[in-house]
Amino acid sequence: MSVKLYVGNLSYEVTESELNDLFTPFGTVESARIITDKFTGNSKGFGFVEMANREEANAAMNDLNGKTVNNRAMVVNEARPQVKTSRGGGGGGFGGGNRPSRGGGSGSKGSGRPQRRSY
């Protein structure tokens, strides 16, 4: 069973190929991915490496956590499970709905309820 590792505090110049090369001495690297900004394509300074098994992943974590690469001390630990969230379309925004008034407006006595007006 493969183990996914989080690799943080990476120099922005580190490539996926270099990340793969850092972990290869510890065993089979199934994938090495640098996370990039979706608009600029620039590195966000962290990534994920998937190792073939727990023993190889532990060896990599023990040796590489805190190791300096391009003048930055890497953080290497087991990745937390990704939280799956629904990214349904639409929605989002500034609708206030039926929220009570916060008071302070004209006619408000600070009760937290909007005053009824008759026209």
N, C-alpha and C. Protein backbone atom coordinates (compact mmCIF):
# COMPACT_ATOMS: atom_id res chain seq x y z
N MET A 1 0.84 -1.18 0.00
CA MET A 1 0.00 0.00 0.00
C MET A 1 0.88 1.24 0.00
N SER A 2 0.60 2.16 -0.90
CA SER A 2 1.43 3.36 -1.01
C SER A 2 1.11 4.36 0.11
N VAL A 3 2.10 5.22 0.39
CA VAL A 3 1.97 6.22 1.43
C VAL A 3 2.26 7.59 0.81
N LYS A 4 1.34 8.53 1.05
CA LYS A 4 1.49 9.87 0.51
C LYS A 4 2.15 10.76 1.56
N LEU A 5 3.20 11.47 1.14
CA LEU A 5 3.94 12.36 2.02
C LEU A 5 3.73 13.81 1.60
N TYR A 6 3.60 14.67 2.59
CA TYR A 6 3.55 16.12 2.36
C TYR A 6 4.98 16.62 2.44
N VAL A 7 5.37 17.47 1.49
CA VAL A 7 6.70 18.07 1.49
C VAL A 7 6.51 19.58 1.43
N GLY A 8 6.84 20.25 2.54
CA GLY A 8 6.62 21.69 2.62
C GLY A 8 7.90 22.48 2.74
N ASN A 9 7.73 23.79 2.69
CA ASN A 9 8.83 24.75 2.78
C ASN A 9 9.85 24.53 1.67
N LEU A 10 9.35 24.20 0.48
CA LEU A 10 10.22 24.00 -0.67
C LEU A 10 10.58 25.34 -1.30
N SER A 11 11.78 25.40 -1.83
CA SER A 11 12.16 26.55 -2.63
C SER A 11 11.24 26.60 -3.85
N TYR A 12 10.88 27.77 -4.29
CA TYR A 12 9.98 27.92 -5.43
C TYR A 12 10.61 27.44 -6.73
N GLU A 13 11.93 27.23 -6.73
CA GLU A 13 12.62 26.78 -7.93
C GLU A 13 12.69 25.26 -8.05
N VAL A 14 12.32 24.52 -7.00
CA VAL A 14 12.39 23.05 -7.04
C VAL A 14 11.36 22.53 -8.04
N THR A 15 11.81 21.61 -8.91
CA THR A 15 10.93 21.03 -9.92
C THR A 15 10.43 19.66 -9.44
N GLU A 16 9.42 19.14 -10.12
CA GLU A 16 8.92 17.81 -9.79
C GLU A 16 9.99 16.75 -10.01
N SER A 17 10.80 16.93 -11.02
CA SER A 17 11.89 15.99 -11.29
C SER A 17 12.90 15.99 -10.15
N GLU A 18 13.25 17.18 -9.65
CA GLU A 18 14.19 17.27 -8.52
C GLU A 18 13.58 16.67 -7.25
N LEU A 19 12.28 16.90 -7.05
CA LEU A 19 11.60 16.33 -5.89
C LEU A 19 11.63 14.80 -5.97
N ASN A 20 11.37 14.27 -7.14
CA ASN A 20 11.43 12.83 -7.35
C ASN A 20 12.83 12.30 -7.04
N ASP A 21 13.86 13.01 -7.52
CA ASP A 21 15.25 12.59 -7.30
C ASP A 21 15.63 12.61 -5.82
N LEU A 22 15.06 13.52 -5.03
CA LEU A 22 15.36 13.58 -3.60
C LEU A 22 14.86 12.34 -2.87
N PHE A 23 13.73 11.78 -3.32
CA PHE A 23 13.10 10.67 -2.62
C PHE A 23 13.48 9.30 -3.18
N THR A 24 14.00 9.24 -4.40
CA THR A 24 14.35 7.97 -5.04
C THR A 24 15.33 7.11 -4.24
N PRO A 25 16.35 7.68 -3.56
CA PRO A 25 17.27 6.83 -2.80
C PRO A 25 16.60 6.01 -1.69
N PHE A 26 15.38 6.37 -1.31
CA PHE A 26 14.70 5.68 -0.21
C PHE A 26 13.75 4.59 -0.68
N GLY A 27 13.52 4.52 -1.98
CA GLY A 27 12.64 3.49 -2.50
C GLY A 27 11.91 3.95 -3.76
N THR A 28 10.84 3.25 -4.06
CA THR A 28 10.07 3.53 -5.27
C THR A 28 9.18 4.74 -5.07
N VAL A 29 9.39 5.73 -5.92
CA VAL A 29 8.54 6.93 -5.90
C VAL A 29 7.46 6.71 -6.95
N GLU A 30 6.22 6.61 -6.50
CA GLU A 30 5.12 6.41 -7.43
C GLU A 30 4.68 7.70 -8.09
N SER A 31 4.81 8.81 -7.36
CA SER A 31 4.51 10.12 -7.95
C SER A 31 5.16 11.21 -7.11
N ALA A 32 5.50 12.30 -7.77
CA ALA A 32 6.04 13.48 -7.09
C ALA A 32 5.40 14.68 -7.77
N ARG A 33 4.72 15.49 -6.98
CA ARG A 33 3.97 16.60 -7.55
C ARG A 33 4.19 17.88 -6.75
N ILE A 34 4.52 18.95 -7.45
CA ILE A 34 4.63 20.29 -6.86
C ILE A 34 3.28 20.97 -7.08
N ILE A 35 2.73 21.57 -6.05
CA ILE A 35 1.46 22.28 -6.18
C ILE A 35 1.74 23.69 -6.70
N THR A 36 0.99 24.06 -7.72
CA THR A 36 1.19 25.36 -8.35
C THR A 36 -0.07 26.20 -8.30
N ASP A 37 0.12 27.50 -8.39
CA ASP A 37 -1.00 28.44 -8.45
C ASP A 37 -1.71 28.25 -9.79
N LYS A 38 -3.04 28.13 -9.77
CA LYS A 38 -3.75 27.83 -11.01
C LYS A 38 -3.77 28.99 -11.99
N PHE A 39 -3.51 30.20 -11.53
CA PHE A 39 -3.52 31.34 -12.43
C PHE A 39 -2.14 31.65 -13.00
N THR A 40 -1.11 31.60 -12.14
CA THR A 40 0.23 31.97 -12.60
C THR A 40 1.08 30.77 -12.98
N GLY A 41 0.76 29.59 -12.46
CA GLY A 41 1.57 28.41 -12.72
C GLY A 41 2.81 28.34 -11.84
N ASN A 42 3.00 29.32 -10.96
CA ASN A 42 4.16 29.33 -10.08
C ASN A 42 3.96 28.36 -8.92
N SER A 43 5.07 27.82 -8.43
CA SER A 43 5.04 26.91 -7.29
C SER A 43 4.48 27.61 -6.06
N LYS A 44 3.74 26.85 -5.24
CA LYS A 44 3.25 27.38 -3.97
C LYS A 44 4.19 27.02 -2.83
N GLY A 45 5.29 26.31 -3.14
CA GLY A 45 6.29 26.01 -2.11
C GLY A 45 6.03 24.72 -1.35
N PHE A 46 5.12 23.88 -1.86
CA PHE A 46 4.91 22.58 -1.25
C PHE A 46 4.46 21.59 -2.31
N GLY A 47 4.51 20.31 -1.93
CA GLY A 47 4.11 19.27 -2.87
C GLY A 47 3.83 17.98 -2.14
N PHE A 48 3.63 16.93 -2.92
CA PHE A 48 3.33 15.61 -2.38
C PHE A 48 4.14 14.57 -3.11
N VAL A 49 4.62 13.58 -2.35
CA VAL A 49 5.35 12.46 -2.91
C VAL A 49 4.66 11.19 -2.44
N GLU A 50 4.42 10.29 -3.36
CA GLU A 50 3.80 9.02 -3.00
C GLU A 50 4.86 7.93 -3.10
N MET A 51 5.11 7.28 -1.96
CA MET A 51 6.10 6.20 -1.88
C MET A 51 5.37 4.86 -1.92
N ALA A 52 6.07 3.82 -2.39
CA ALA A 52 5.46 2.51 -2.61
C ALA A 52 4.98 1.84 -1.33
N ASN A 53 5.70 2.02 -0.22
CA ASN A 53 5.28 1.35 1.02
C ASN A 53 5.69 2.16 2.24
N ARG A 54 5.18 1.76 3.39
CA ARG A 54 5.39 2.49 4.64
C ARG A 54 6.86 2.54 5.05
N GLU A 55 7.61 1.45 4.89
CA GLU A 55 9.02 1.42 5.30
C GLU A 55 9.83 2.46 4.52
N GLU A 56 9.60 2.52 3.21
CA GLU A 56 10.31 3.50 2.38
C GLU A 56 9.90 4.92 2.75
N ALA A 57 8.62 5.13 3.00
CA ALA A 57 8.12 6.45 3.38
C ALA A 57 8.72 6.89 4.71
N ASN A 58 8.78 5.97 5.68
CA ASN A 58 9.37 6.31 6.99
C ASN A 58 10.84 6.65 6.86
N ALA A 59 11.56 5.90 6.04
CA ALA A 59 12.99 6.18 5.84
C ALA A 59 13.18 7.57 5.22
N ALA A 60 12.35 7.91 4.25
CA ALA A 60 12.43 9.23 3.61
C ALA A 60 12.10 10.34 4.59
N MET A 61 11.03 10.14 5.40
CA MET A 61 10.65 11.16 6.39
C MET A 61 11.77 11.38 7.40
N ASN A 62 12.34 10.30 7.90
CA ASN A 62 13.39 10.40 8.92
C ASN A 62 14.63 11.12 8.40
N ASP A 63 14.97 10.88 7.15
CA ASP A 63 16.21 11.47 6.61
C ASP A 63 16.01 12.86 6.01
N LEU A 64 14.86 13.10 5.41
CA LEU A 64 14.68 14.36 4.67
C LEU A 64 13.99 15.47 5.46
N ASN A 65 13.26 15.14 6.51
CA ASN A 65 12.61 16.20 7.30
C ASN A 65 13.69 17.09 7.92
N GLY A 66 13.65 18.36 7.61
CA GLY A 66 14.64 19.31 8.12
C GLY A 66 15.86 19.47 7.24
N LYS A 67 15.99 18.64 6.20
CA LYS A 67 17.14 18.74 5.29
C LYS A 67 17.04 20.04 4.48
N THR A 68 18.16 20.71 4.34
CA THR A 68 18.19 21.98 3.61
C THR A 68 18.39 21.72 2.12
N VAL A 69 17.47 22.26 1.34
CA VAL A 69 17.54 22.19 -0.12
C VAL A 69 17.31 23.60 -0.64
N ASN A 70 18.26 24.12 -1.40
CA ASN A 70 18.19 25.50 -1.91
C ASN A 70 17.96 26.51 -0.78
N ASN A 71 18.72 26.35 0.30
CA ASN A 71 18.68 27.26 1.46
C ASN A 71 17.35 27.26 2.22
N ARG A 72 16.57 26.18 2.10
CA ARG A 72 15.31 26.07 2.85
C ARG A 72 15.23 24.69 3.49
N ALA A 73 14.86 24.66 4.77
CA ALA A 73 14.72 23.39 5.48
C ALA A 73 13.36 22.78 5.16
N MET A 74 13.38 21.65 4.47
CA MET A 74 12.13 20.98 4.08
C MET A 74 11.39 20.43 5.29
N VAL A 75 10.08 20.39 5.17
CA VAL A 75 9.23 19.72 6.14
C VAL A 75 8.66 18.51 5.43
N VAL A 76 8.90 17.32 5.98
CA VAL A 76 8.39 16.10 5.36
C VAL A 76 7.63 15.30 6.41
N ASN A 77 6.36 15.06 6.16
CA ASN A 77 5.57 14.21 7.04
C ASN A 77 4.45 13.55 6.26
N GLU A 78 3.77 12.62 6.90
CA GLU A 78 2.69 11.93 6.21
C GLU A 78 1.55 12.90 5.94
N ALA A 79 1.06 12.84 4.71
CA ALA A 79 -0.02 13.74 4.31
C ALA A 79 -1.31 13.35 5.02
N ARG A 80 -2.07 14.35 5.42
CA ARG A 80 -3.38 14.10 6.00
C ARG A 80 -4.36 13.78 4.88
N PRO A 81 -5.38 12.98 5.16
CA PRO A 81 -6.36 12.65 4.12
C PRO A 81 -7.02 13.92 3.60
N GLN A 82 -7.24 13.94 2.30
CA GLN A 82 -7.88 15.09 1.68
C GLN A 82 -9.36 15.10 2.05
N VAL A 83 -9.83 16.27 2.45
CA VAL A 83 -11.24 16.41 2.79
C VAL A 83 -12.00 16.66 1.50
N LYS A 84 -12.92 15.76 1.22
CA LYS A 84 -13.73 15.89 0.00
C LYS A 84 -14.89 16.83 0.28
N THR A 85 -14.93 17.91 -0.45
CA THR A 85 -16.04 18.85 -0.31
C THR A 85 -16.74 18.98 -1.63
N SER A 86 -18.02 19.19 -1.57
CA SER A 86 -18.80 19.40 -2.77
C SER A 86 -18.53 20.80 -3.29
N ARG A 87 -18.19 20.87 -4.53
CA ARG A 87 -17.97 22.18 -5.14
C ARG A 87 -19.06 22.41 -6.18
N GLY A 88 -20.30 22.36 -5.70
CA GLY A 88 -21.44 22.56 -6.58
C GLY A 88 -21.41 23.94 -7.21
N GLY A 89 -22.10 24.08 -8.28
CA GLY A 89 -22.09 25.34 -9.01
C GLY A 89 -22.93 26.41 -8.33
N GLY A 90 -22.74 27.61 -8.78
CA GLY A 90 -23.54 28.74 -8.35
C GLY A 90 -23.37 29.09 -6.89
N GLY A 91 -24.36 29.79 -6.40
CA GLY A 91 -24.36 30.15 -5.00
C GLY A 91 -23.26 31.12 -4.66
N GLY A 92 -22.92 31.15 -3.43
CA GLY A 92 -21.87 32.04 -2.99
C GLY A 92 -22.28 33.48 -3.17
N GLY A 93 -21.97 34.28 -2.26
CA GLY A 93 -22.29 35.66 -2.52
C GLY A 93 -22.74 36.41 -1.31
N PHE A 94 -23.46 37.44 -1.60
CA PHE A 94 -23.70 38.44 -0.58
C PHE A 94 -25.16 38.56 -0.19
N GLY A 95 -25.95 37.56 -0.39
CA GLY A 95 -27.35 37.62 -0.01
C GLY A 95 -27.48 37.70 1.50
N GLY A 96 -28.30 38.58 1.98
CA GLY A 96 -28.48 38.72 3.41
C GLY A 96 -29.63 37.91 3.94
N GLY A 97 -30.57 37.59 3.06
CA GLY A 97 -31.71 36.81 3.49
C GLY A 97 -32.52 37.55 4.53
N ASN A 98 -33.03 36.83 5.51
CA ASN A 98 -33.88 37.42 6.53
C ASN A 98 -33.12 37.66 7.82
N ARG A 99 -31.96 38.17 7.72
CA ARG A 99 -31.17 38.40 8.92
C ARG A 99 -31.70 39.63 9.64
N PRO A 100 -31.74 39.57 10.96
CA PRO A 100 -32.23 40.72 11.71
C PRO A 100 -31.26 41.89 11.64
N SER A 101 -31.83 43.07 11.80
CA SER A 101 -31.03 44.28 11.80
C SER A 101 -30.11 44.29 13.02
N ARG A 102 -28.99 44.94 12.89
CA ARG A 102 -28.05 45.06 14.01
C ARG A 102 -28.32 46.31 14.84
N GLY A 103 -29.35 47.00 14.52
CA GLY A 103 -29.67 48.21 15.28
C GLY A 103 -28.85 49.39 14.79
N GLY A 104 -29.11 50.53 15.32
CA GLY A 104 -28.34 51.73 14.98
C GLY A 104 -28.95 52.53 13.85
N GLY A 105 -29.86 51.96 13.08
CA GLY A 105 -30.48 52.68 11.99
C GLY A 105 -31.63 53.53 12.51
N SER A 106 -32.25 54.30 11.63
CA SER A 106 -33.35 55.15 12.08
C SER A 106 -34.53 54.29 12.50
N GLY A 107 -35.12 54.63 13.57
CA GLY A 107 -36.28 53.92 14.08
C GLY A 107 -35.94 52.67 14.87
N SER A 108 -34.70 52.32 14.96
CA SER A 108 -34.33 51.12 15.70
C SER A 108 -34.12 51.47 17.17
N LYS A 109 -34.62 50.63 18.02
CA LYS A 109 -34.44 50.85 19.44
C LYS A 109 -33.42 49.89 20.02
N GLY A 110 -32.62 49.28 19.13
CA GLY A 110 -31.58 48.39 19.60
C GLY A 110 -32.08 47.01 19.98
N SER A 111 -33.31 46.67 19.58
CA SER A 111 -33.87 45.37 19.96
C SER A 111 -33.32 44.25 19.10
N GLY A 112 -32.64 44.59 18.02
CA GLY A 112 -32.13 43.56 17.13
C GLY A 112 -33.14 43.14 16.08
N ARG A 113 -34.34 43.73 16.14
CA ARG A 113 -35.36 43.40 15.16
C ARG A 113 -35.65 44.63 14.31
N PRO A 114 -35.89 44.41 13.03
CA PRO A 114 -36.23 45.58 12.20
C PRO A 114 -37.59 46.15 12.60
N GLN A 115 -37.73 47.44 12.54
CA GLN A 115 -38.98 48.10 12.87
C GLN A 115 -39.92 48.03 11.69
N ARG A 116 -41.19 47.79 11.94
CA ARG A 116 -42.18 47.80 10.85
C ARG A 116 -42.56 49.23 10.57
N ARG A 117 -42.71 49.49 9.33
CA ARG A 117 -43.15 50.82 8.92
C ARG A 117 -44.45 50.70 8.17
N SER A 118 -45.33 51.59 8.42
CA SER A 118 -46.57 51.61 7.64
C SER A 118 -46.50 52.83 6.72
N TYR A 119 -46.82 52.59 5.49
CA TYR A 119 -46.74 53.67 4.50
C TYR A 119 -48.08 54.11 4.05
